[in-house]
N, C-alpha and C. Protein backbone atom coordinates (compact mmCIF):
# COMPACT_ATOMS: atom_id res chain seq x y z
N GLU A 1 -8.98 -34.99 -43.35
CA GLU A 1 -9.14 -36.49 -43.79
C GLU A 1 -10.73 -36.80 -43.95
N ARG A 2 -11.02 -37.36 -44.85
CA ARG A 2 -12.49 -37.83 -45.08
C ARG A 2 -12.57 -39.14 -45.77
N SER A 3 -13.71 -39.86 -45.80
CA SER A 3 -14.00 -40.99 -46.59
C SER A 3 -15.42 -40.92 -47.05
N ILE A 4 -15.62 -41.63 -48.23
CA ILE A 4 -16.90 -41.77 -48.62
C ILE A 4 -17.23 -43.18 -49.16
N PRO A 5 -18.26 -43.86 -48.65
CA PRO A 5 -18.58 -45.19 -49.21
C PRO A 5 -19.47 -45.12 -50.43
N HIS A 6 -19.33 -45.84 -51.39
CA HIS A 6 -20.16 -45.92 -52.69
C HIS A 6 -20.18 -47.37 -53.06
N GLU A 7 -21.50 -47.78 -53.17
CA GLU A 7 -21.75 -49.15 -53.42
C GLU A 7 -20.85 -50.04 -52.59
N ASP A 8 -19.91 -50.94 -53.14
CA ASP A 8 -18.89 -51.63 -52.53
C ASP A 8 -17.61 -51.12 -52.24
N VAL A 9 -17.49 -49.98 -52.52
CA VAL A 9 -16.09 -49.26 -52.42
C VAL A 9 -16.16 -48.10 -51.37
N THR A 10 -15.18 -48.12 -50.67
CA THR A 10 -14.88 -46.91 -49.74
C THR A 10 -13.63 -46.25 -50.06
N LEU A 11 -13.73 -44.97 -50.25
CA LEU A 11 -12.57 -44.25 -50.73
C LEU A 11 -12.26 -43.35 -49.45
N ARG A 12 -10.97 -43.27 -49.04
CA ARG A 12 -10.51 -42.44 -48.05
C ARG A 12 -9.34 -41.67 -48.53
N GLY A 13 -9.28 -40.26 -48.14
CA GLY A 13 -8.27 -39.34 -48.62
C GLY A 13 -7.77 -38.39 -47.51
N ILE A 14 -6.41 -38.16 -47.51
CA ILE A 14 -5.91 -37.40 -46.52
C ILE A 14 -5.02 -36.48 -47.33
N LEU A 15 -5.08 -35.24 -47.17
CA LEU A 15 -4.11 -34.20 -47.70
C LEU A 15 -3.34 -33.78 -46.53
N LEU A 16 -2.03 -34.21 -46.63
CA LEU A 16 -1.10 -33.90 -45.42
C LEU A 16 -0.92 -32.33 -45.34
N ASN A 17 -0.42 -31.93 -44.34
CA ASN A 17 -0.17 -30.50 -43.98
C ASN A 17 -1.61 -29.84 -43.54
N ASN A 18 -2.48 -30.76 -43.13
CA ASN A 18 -3.83 -30.04 -42.56
C ASN A 18 -4.56 -29.31 -43.78
N GLY A 19 -4.35 -29.80 -44.96
CA GLY A 19 -5.03 -29.15 -45.96
C GLY A 19 -4.55 -27.74 -46.48
N PHE A 20 -3.40 -27.41 -45.89
CA PHE A 20 -2.68 -26.06 -46.42
C PHE A 20 -1.98 -26.40 -47.75
N ILE A 21 -2.28 -25.51 -48.71
CA ILE A 21 -1.43 -25.80 -49.99
C ILE A 21 -0.82 -24.41 -50.47
N VAL A 22 0.30 -24.62 -50.94
CA VAL A 22 1.20 -23.38 -51.39
C VAL A 22 1.42 -23.98 -52.96
N PRO A 23 0.71 -22.86 -53.73
CA PRO A 23 0.96 -23.30 -55.23
C PRO A 23 2.27 -23.30 -55.67
N GLY A 24 2.63 -24.04 -56.61
CA GLY A 24 4.18 -24.32 -57.12
C GLY A 24 4.83 -25.40 -56.18
N GLN A 25 4.29 -25.75 -55.17
CA GLN A 25 5.02 -26.78 -54.25
C GLN A 25 4.28 -28.04 -54.40
N ILE A 26 5.05 -29.26 -54.12
CA ILE A 26 4.44 -30.57 -53.77
C ILE A 26 3.59 -30.79 -52.74
N HIS A 27 2.62 -31.42 -52.78
CA HIS A 27 1.59 -31.68 -51.87
C HIS A 27 1.46 -33.20 -51.74
N ILE A 28 1.23 -33.77 -50.71
CA ILE A 28 1.10 -35.11 -50.54
C ILE A 28 -0.23 -35.64 -50.27
N LEU A 29 -0.84 -36.46 -50.97
CA LEU A 29 -2.17 -36.94 -50.75
C LEU A 29 -2.21 -38.42 -50.53
N GLN A 30 -2.73 -39.00 -49.55
CA GLN A 30 -2.87 -40.24 -49.19
C GLN A 30 -4.12 -40.78 -49.68
N ILE A 31 -4.26 -42.02 -50.34
CA ILE A 31 -5.47 -42.46 -50.80
C ILE A 31 -5.61 -43.98 -50.23
N GLU A 32 -6.63 -44.20 -49.59
CA GLU A 32 -6.78 -45.69 -49.05
C GLU A 32 -8.22 -46.16 -49.66
N ILE A 33 -8.25 -47.34 -50.29
CA ILE A 33 -9.29 -48.00 -50.98
C ILE A 33 -9.59 -49.30 -50.12
N HIS A 34 -10.86 -49.28 -49.77
CA HIS A 34 -11.49 -50.80 -49.30
C HIS A 34 -12.32 -51.20 -50.30
N ASN A 35 -12.01 -52.25 -50.95
CA ASN A 35 -12.89 -52.84 -52.06
C ASN A 35 -13.07 -54.29 -51.83
N PRO A 36 -13.91 -54.62 -50.90
CA PRO A 36 -13.92 -56.24 -50.42
C PRO A 36 -14.57 -56.95 -51.64
N MET A 37 -15.34 -56.24 -52.50
CA MET A 37 -16.14 -57.12 -53.53
C MET A 37 -15.31 -56.96 -54.92
N LYS A 38 -14.17 -56.26 -54.79
CA LYS A 38 -13.18 -56.30 -55.95
C LYS A 38 -13.92 -55.74 -57.20
N VAL A 39 -14.43 -54.64 -56.98
CA VAL A 39 -15.07 -53.98 -58.08
C VAL A 39 -14.07 -53.19 -58.88
N THR A 40 -13.96 -53.31 -60.11
CA THR A 40 -12.95 -52.67 -60.89
C THR A 40 -12.97 -51.00 -60.82
N ILE A 41 -11.83 -50.60 -60.43
CA ILE A 41 -11.64 -49.20 -60.37
C ILE A 41 -10.94 -48.69 -61.75
N LYS A 42 -11.70 -47.95 -62.47
CA LYS A 42 -11.22 -47.58 -63.81
C LYS A 42 -10.20 -46.47 -63.57
N SER A 43 -10.55 -45.46 -62.89
CA SER A 43 -9.51 -44.41 -62.69
C SER A 43 -9.86 -43.52 -61.37
N ILE A 44 -8.85 -42.83 -60.96
CA ILE A 44 -9.01 -41.87 -59.81
C ILE A 44 -8.39 -40.62 -60.35
N ARG A 45 -9.19 -39.64 -60.22
CA ARG A 45 -8.64 -38.29 -60.68
C ARG A 45 -8.68 -37.30 -59.50
N ALA A 46 -7.66 -36.61 -59.41
CA ALA A 46 -7.54 -35.48 -58.31
C ALA A 46 -7.69 -34.09 -59.12
N ILE A 47 -8.84 -33.40 -58.66
CA ILE A 47 -9.19 -32.11 -59.32
C ILE A 47 -9.23 -31.03 -58.15
N LEU A 48 -8.35 -29.93 -58.36
CA LEU A 48 -8.35 -28.75 -57.59
C LEU A 48 -9.26 -27.64 -57.89
N LYS A 49 -10.20 -27.45 -57.25
CA LYS A 49 -11.28 -26.39 -57.72
C LYS A 49 -11.34 -25.21 -56.87
N GLN A 50 -11.51 -23.96 -57.47
CA GLN A 50 -11.63 -22.59 -56.68
C GLN A 50 -13.13 -22.24 -57.00
N TYR A 51 -13.75 -22.03 -55.83
CA TYR A 51 -15.15 -21.48 -56.02
C TYR A 51 -15.23 -20.06 -55.47
N ARG A 52 -15.86 -19.20 -56.15
CA ARG A 52 -16.05 -17.67 -55.84
C ARG A 52 -17.50 -17.27 -55.88
N ASN A 53 -17.89 -16.49 -54.87
CA ASN A 53 -19.26 -15.93 -54.81
C ASN A 53 -19.05 -14.52 -55.44
N ILE A 54 -19.75 -14.19 -56.35
CA ILE A 54 -19.74 -12.83 -56.93
C ILE A 54 -21.07 -12.53 -57.17
N THR A 55 -21.40 -11.39 -56.48
CA THR A 55 -23.12 -10.82 -56.73
C THR A 55 -24.00 -12.07 -56.27
N ASP A 56 -23.89 -12.88 -55.26
CA ASP A 56 -24.66 -14.00 -54.80
C ASP A 56 -24.65 -15.09 -55.82
N GLU A 57 -23.77 -15.19 -56.62
CA GLU A 57 -23.74 -16.48 -57.62
C GLU A 57 -22.42 -17.04 -57.54
N GLU A 58 -22.39 -18.24 -57.21
CA GLU A 58 -21.09 -19.10 -57.03
C GLU A 58 -20.66 -19.70 -58.60
N THR A 59 -19.24 -19.29 -58.77
CA THR A 59 -18.78 -19.85 -59.91
C THR A 59 -17.69 -20.77 -59.47
N ASP A 60 -17.22 -21.69 -60.34
CA ASP A 60 -16.17 -22.62 -60.09
C ASP A 60 -15.23 -22.64 -61.26
N PHE A 61 -13.89 -22.91 -60.83
CA PHE A 61 -12.82 -22.81 -61.81
C PHE A 61 -12.02 -24.01 -61.54
N THR A 62 -11.49 -24.91 -62.40
CA THR A 62 -10.72 -26.18 -62.22
C THR A 62 -9.31 -25.44 -62.44
N ILE A 63 -8.64 -25.52 -61.40
CA ILE A 63 -7.24 -25.10 -61.35
C ILE A 63 -6.38 -26.19 -62.10
N PHE A 64 -6.43 -27.31 -61.55
CA PHE A 64 -5.75 -28.47 -62.32
C PHE A 64 -6.42 -29.84 -62.02
N SER A 65 -6.21 -30.59 -62.93
CA SER A 65 -6.80 -31.91 -62.81
C SER A 65 -5.75 -33.16 -63.39
N THR A 66 -5.65 -34.22 -62.63
CA THR A 66 -4.65 -35.15 -62.96
C THR A 66 -5.27 -36.54 -62.52
N ILE A 67 -5.03 -37.68 -63.53
CA ILE A 67 -5.28 -38.98 -63.20
C ILE A 67 -4.20 -39.53 -62.32
N LEU A 68 -4.65 -40.07 -61.20
CA LEU A 68 -3.62 -40.81 -60.41
C LEU A 68 -3.08 -42.13 -61.01
N THR A 69 -1.93 -42.32 -60.86
CA THR A 69 -1.43 -43.65 -61.48
C THR A 69 -1.90 -44.86 -60.79
N GLU A 70 -1.56 -45.96 -61.34
CA GLU A 70 -1.88 -47.33 -60.99
C GLU A 70 -3.20 -47.71 -61.34
N PHE A 71 -4.27 -46.77 -61.60
CA PHE A 71 -5.50 -47.08 -61.83
C PHE A 71 -6.03 -47.04 -63.28
N LYS A 72 -4.97 -46.94 -64.14
CA LYS A 72 -5.18 -46.89 -65.65
C LYS A 72 -4.20 -47.47 -66.40
N PRO A 73 -4.25 -48.11 -67.46
CA PRO A 73 -5.43 -48.09 -68.21
C PRO A 73 -6.18 -49.33 -68.13
N LYS A 74 -5.67 -50.38 -67.37
CA LYS A 74 -6.33 -51.73 -67.35
C LYS A 74 -7.40 -51.85 -66.10
N GLY A 75 -7.34 -50.79 -65.30
CA GLY A 75 -8.31 -50.87 -64.09
C GLY A 75 -7.55 -51.57 -62.97
N PHE A 76 -8.36 -51.72 -61.89
CA PHE A 76 -7.76 -51.98 -60.69
C PHE A 76 -8.74 -52.77 -59.83
N ASN A 77 -8.60 -53.86 -59.31
CA ASN A 77 -9.67 -54.63 -58.66
C ASN A 77 -9.15 -55.32 -57.45
N ASN A 78 -8.20 -54.95 -56.79
CA ASN A 78 -7.72 -55.61 -55.51
C ASN A 78 -8.79 -55.13 -54.38
N SER A 79 -8.74 -55.99 -53.11
CA SER A 79 -9.68 -55.63 -52.20
C SER A 79 -9.16 -54.38 -51.19
N TYR A 80 -7.85 -54.15 -51.32
CA TYR A 80 -7.51 -52.99 -50.59
C TYR A 80 -6.08 -52.46 -51.12
N HIS A 81 -6.27 -51.15 -51.24
CA HIS A 81 -5.03 -50.49 -51.77
C HIS A 81 -4.83 -49.09 -50.83
N GLN A 82 -3.54 -48.94 -50.56
CA GLN A 82 -3.07 -47.74 -50.04
C GLN A 82 -1.95 -47.00 -50.75
N ASP A 83 -1.97 -45.82 -51.08
CA ASP A 83 -0.67 -45.26 -51.73
C ASP A 83 -0.64 -43.73 -51.51
N THR A 84 0.55 -43.12 -51.66
CA THR A 84 0.73 -41.72 -51.54
C THR A 84 1.14 -41.23 -53.02
N TYR A 85 0.53 -40.13 -53.21
CA TYR A 85 0.73 -39.30 -54.33
C TYR A 85 1.28 -38.00 -54.28
N GLU A 86 2.12 -37.55 -55.18
CA GLU A 86 2.51 -36.23 -55.12
C GLU A 86 1.89 -35.30 -56.02
N LEU A 87 1.16 -34.25 -55.56
CA LEU A 87 0.42 -33.35 -56.24
C LEU A 87 1.28 -32.19 -56.43
N LEU A 88 1.50 -31.67 -57.73
CA LEU A 88 2.22 -30.32 -57.85
C LEU A 88 1.07 -29.46 -58.60
N ILE A 89 0.94 -28.34 -57.86
CA ILE A 89 0.15 -27.36 -58.62
C ILE A 89 0.87 -26.38 -59.46
N PRO A 90 0.75 -26.52 -60.73
CA PRO A 90 1.70 -25.81 -61.80
C PRO A 90 1.63 -24.31 -61.45
N LEU A 91 2.77 -23.69 -61.41
CA LEU A 91 2.95 -22.32 -61.22
C LEU A 91 2.05 -21.27 -62.06
N GLU A 92 2.01 -21.84 -63.41
CA GLU A 92 1.20 -20.90 -64.31
C GLU A 92 -0.17 -20.89 -63.95
N LYS A 93 -0.64 -21.82 -63.15
CA LYS A 93 -2.16 -21.86 -62.67
C LYS A 93 -2.21 -21.03 -61.34
N CYS A 94 -1.09 -20.61 -60.85
CA CYS A 94 -1.13 -19.79 -59.44
C CYS A 94 -1.81 -18.48 -59.63
N GLN A 95 -1.78 -17.81 -60.72
CA GLN A 95 -2.28 -16.48 -60.90
C GLN A 95 -3.72 -16.28 -60.53
N VAL A 96 -4.59 -17.40 -60.59
CA VAL A 96 -5.82 -17.24 -60.36
C VAL A 96 -6.09 -17.61 -58.89
N MET A 97 -5.11 -18.03 -58.02
CA MET A 97 -5.32 -18.55 -56.80
C MET A 97 -5.12 -17.52 -55.79
N THR A 98 -6.21 -16.88 -55.39
CA THR A 98 -6.03 -15.92 -54.23
C THR A 98 -6.04 -16.78 -52.87
N PRO A 99 -5.32 -16.11 -51.96
CA PRO A 99 -5.19 -16.79 -50.58
C PRO A 99 -6.66 -16.94 -50.06
N THR A 100 -6.89 -18.06 -49.34
CA THR A 100 -8.08 -18.21 -48.57
C THR A 100 -8.45 -17.12 -47.64
N SER A 101 -7.28 -16.65 -46.94
CA SER A 101 -7.50 -15.76 -45.88
C SER A 101 -7.92 -14.40 -46.31
N SER A 102 -7.59 -13.92 -47.55
CA SER A 102 -7.78 -12.74 -48.19
C SER A 102 -9.19 -12.35 -48.50
N TYR A 103 -9.78 -13.31 -48.98
CA TYR A 103 -11.13 -13.18 -49.54
C TYR A 103 -12.24 -14.11 -48.82
N LYS A 104 -13.20 -13.53 -48.23
CA LYS A 104 -14.27 -14.37 -47.67
C LYS A 104 -15.06 -15.12 -48.66
N ASN A 105 -15.13 -14.70 -49.96
CA ASN A 105 -15.87 -15.32 -50.90
C ASN A 105 -15.24 -16.18 -52.01
N VAL A 106 -14.02 -16.69 -51.38
CA VAL A 106 -13.14 -17.66 -52.24
C VAL A 106 -12.92 -18.96 -51.23
N ARG A 107 -13.27 -20.06 -51.86
CA ARG A 107 -12.86 -21.24 -51.20
C ARG A 107 -12.24 -22.28 -52.20
N TYR A 108 -11.58 -23.37 -51.72
CA TYR A 108 -11.00 -24.24 -52.49
C TYR A 108 -11.27 -25.73 -51.98
N GLU A 109 -11.35 -26.64 -52.99
CA GLU A 109 -11.65 -27.95 -52.67
C GLU A 109 -10.82 -28.87 -53.58
N LEU A 110 -10.41 -29.91 -52.93
CA LEU A 110 -9.79 -30.90 -53.94
C LEU A 110 -10.63 -32.26 -53.89
N HIS A 111 -11.06 -32.31 -55.10
CA HIS A 111 -12.07 -33.41 -55.42
C HIS A 111 -11.32 -34.83 -55.96
N ILE A 112 -11.36 -35.82 -55.24
CA ILE A 112 -10.94 -37.07 -55.68
C ILE A 112 -12.07 -37.84 -56.22
N GLN A 113 -12.07 -38.06 -57.56
CA GLN A 113 -13.16 -38.61 -58.25
C GLN A 113 -12.87 -40.11 -58.72
N CYS A 114 -13.51 -40.93 -58.38
CA CYS A 114 -13.23 -42.29 -58.61
C CYS A 114 -14.20 -42.89 -59.45
N SER A 115 -13.78 -43.42 -60.58
CA SER A 115 -14.71 -44.10 -61.66
C SER A 115 -14.61 -45.52 -61.43
N ILE A 116 -15.80 -46.22 -61.23
CA ILE A 116 -15.74 -47.61 -61.10
C ILE A 116 -16.61 -48.32 -62.25
N HIS A 117 -16.10 -49.39 -62.36
CA HIS A 117 -17.09 -50.32 -63.43
C HIS A 117 -18.12 -50.98 -62.71
N SER A 118 -19.24 -50.68 -62.90
CA SER A 118 -20.55 -51.35 -62.26
C SER A 118 -21.49 -51.56 -63.20
N LEU A 119 -22.56 -51.71 -62.88
CA LEU A 119 -23.84 -51.92 -63.87
C LEU A 119 -24.07 -50.51 -64.51
N PHE A 120 -23.92 -49.43 -63.81
CA PHE A 120 -24.25 -48.25 -64.48
C PHE A 120 -23.03 -47.42 -64.85
N ASN A 121 -21.73 -48.04 -64.67
CA ASN A 121 -20.61 -47.32 -64.83
C ASN A 121 -20.39 -45.96 -64.23
N SER A 122 -20.71 -45.93 -62.87
CA SER A 122 -20.69 -44.93 -62.26
C SER A 122 -19.41 -44.33 -61.79
N HIS A 123 -19.57 -43.12 -61.10
CA HIS A 123 -18.31 -42.50 -60.42
C HIS A 123 -18.97 -41.76 -59.24
N PHE A 124 -17.91 -41.49 -58.28
CA PHE A 124 -18.39 -40.73 -57.04
C PHE A 124 -17.09 -39.95 -56.67
N THR A 125 -17.41 -38.98 -55.89
CA THR A 125 -16.36 -38.01 -55.54
C THR A 125 -16.28 -37.76 -54.09
N LEU A 126 -14.99 -37.78 -53.61
CA LEU A 126 -14.70 -37.42 -52.21
C LEU A 126 -14.06 -35.97 -52.14
N THR A 127 -14.67 -35.17 -51.44
CA THR A 127 -14.21 -33.74 -51.33
C THR A 127 -13.44 -33.42 -50.19
N LEU A 128 -12.27 -32.84 -50.39
CA LEU A 128 -11.34 -32.40 -49.19
C LEU A 128 -11.39 -30.96 -49.26
N PRO A 129 -11.56 -30.23 -48.22
CA PRO A 129 -11.42 -28.76 -48.08
C PRO A 129 -9.98 -28.51 -48.16
N VAL A 130 -9.57 -27.27 -48.59
CA VAL A 130 -8.11 -26.94 -48.95
C VAL A 130 -8.12 -25.50 -48.60
N ILE A 131 -6.93 -25.08 -47.91
CA ILE A 131 -6.81 -23.75 -47.65
C ILE A 131 -5.46 -23.38 -48.37
N CYS A 132 -5.46 -22.23 -49.31
CA CYS A 132 -4.55 -21.67 -50.02
C CYS A 132 -3.72 -20.60 -49.25
N THR A 133 -2.45 -20.74 -49.21
CA THR A 133 -1.66 -19.73 -48.61
C THR A 133 -1.16 -18.91 -49.68
N SER A 134 -0.45 -17.75 -49.21
CA SER A 134 -0.20 -16.53 -50.03
C SER A 134 1.37 -16.55 -50.44
N GLU A 135 2.07 -17.61 -50.04
CA GLU A 135 3.44 -17.78 -50.25
C GLU A 135 3.90 -17.72 -51.76
N HIS A 136 2.99 -18.11 -52.48
CA HIS A 136 3.32 -18.16 -53.89
C HIS A 136 3.19 -16.71 -54.51
N GLN A 137 2.74 -15.65 -54.17
CA GLN A 137 2.58 -14.44 -54.60
C GLN A 137 3.84 -13.62 -54.25
N ARG A 138 4.56 -12.89 -55.19
CA ARG A 138 5.56 -12.04 -55.00
C ARG A 138 5.05 -10.89 -54.19
N THR A 139 5.92 -10.40 -53.34
CA THR A 139 5.71 -9.08 -52.54
C THR A 139 5.83 -7.88 -53.37
N LEU A 140 4.79 -7.08 -53.41
CA LEU A 140 4.77 -5.89 -54.39
C LEU A 140 5.72 -4.82 -53.55
N GLU A 141 6.85 -4.30 -54.11
CA GLU A 141 7.68 -3.31 -53.68
C GLU A 141 7.11 -1.99 -54.18
N ILE A 142 6.36 -1.23 -53.41
CA ILE A 142 5.74 -0.05 -54.06
C ILE A 142 6.85 0.82 -54.54
N MET A 143 7.75 1.28 -53.82
CA MET A 143 8.88 2.13 -54.35
C MET A 143 9.43 1.80 -55.55
N ASP A 144 9.93 0.47 -55.68
CA ASP A 144 10.36 0.03 -56.95
C ASP A 144 9.51 0.09 -58.20
N GLU A 145 8.18 -0.22 -57.85
CA GLU A 145 7.26 0.05 -58.81
C GLU A 145 7.09 1.42 -59.44
N LEU A 146 7.05 2.46 -58.42
CA LEU A 146 6.89 3.78 -58.65
C LEU A 146 8.15 4.36 -59.59
N LYS A 147 9.36 3.82 -59.27
CA LYS A 147 10.45 4.21 -60.03
C LYS A 147 10.36 3.78 -61.55
N SER A 148 9.50 2.77 -61.85
CA SER A 148 9.37 2.51 -63.11
C SER A 148 8.46 3.34 -64.02
N LEU A 149 7.56 4.05 -63.31
CA LEU A 149 6.73 4.84 -64.04
C LEU A 149 7.10 6.00 -64.72
N PRO A 150 6.85 6.39 -65.76
CA PRO A 150 7.35 7.65 -66.60
C PRO A 150 6.90 8.89 -65.67
N GLU A 151 7.77 9.79 -65.72
CA GLU A 151 7.36 11.21 -65.17
C GLU A 151 6.41 12.03 -66.03
N ILE A 152 5.57 12.77 -65.25
CA ILE A 152 4.64 13.51 -65.90
C ILE A 152 4.86 14.77 -65.99
């Protein structure tokens, strides 16, 4: 659970299940917005990113990105909003998702990017740490794999 204030808007996000995610399953994201000045919120986007350190250089990879409903296309300018969203990490994206516990140089973050209509048309990002579990990866049956190899 984290929150971030920006100008006259405070965005709070909670990823249920303590930030543990299993690719291919639905995950619940709670968003709470305090907007006393009724600034127009143009969109809110959820972005799951993987960060890897390879030879002292950090690279990032966007696993998925989706715009949360209710904030598009006309914008949103209520003083308070709270909603729950279901996020599904597509199985085809899971191949790049190594478990957090298996590699010390891999980490995941869920970015909640809020675009607001202001003098500078700005946006800000709330970052939630995520732990990827390995339940989505099939168990390798060594003996079965060896049976499929041609004899030499």
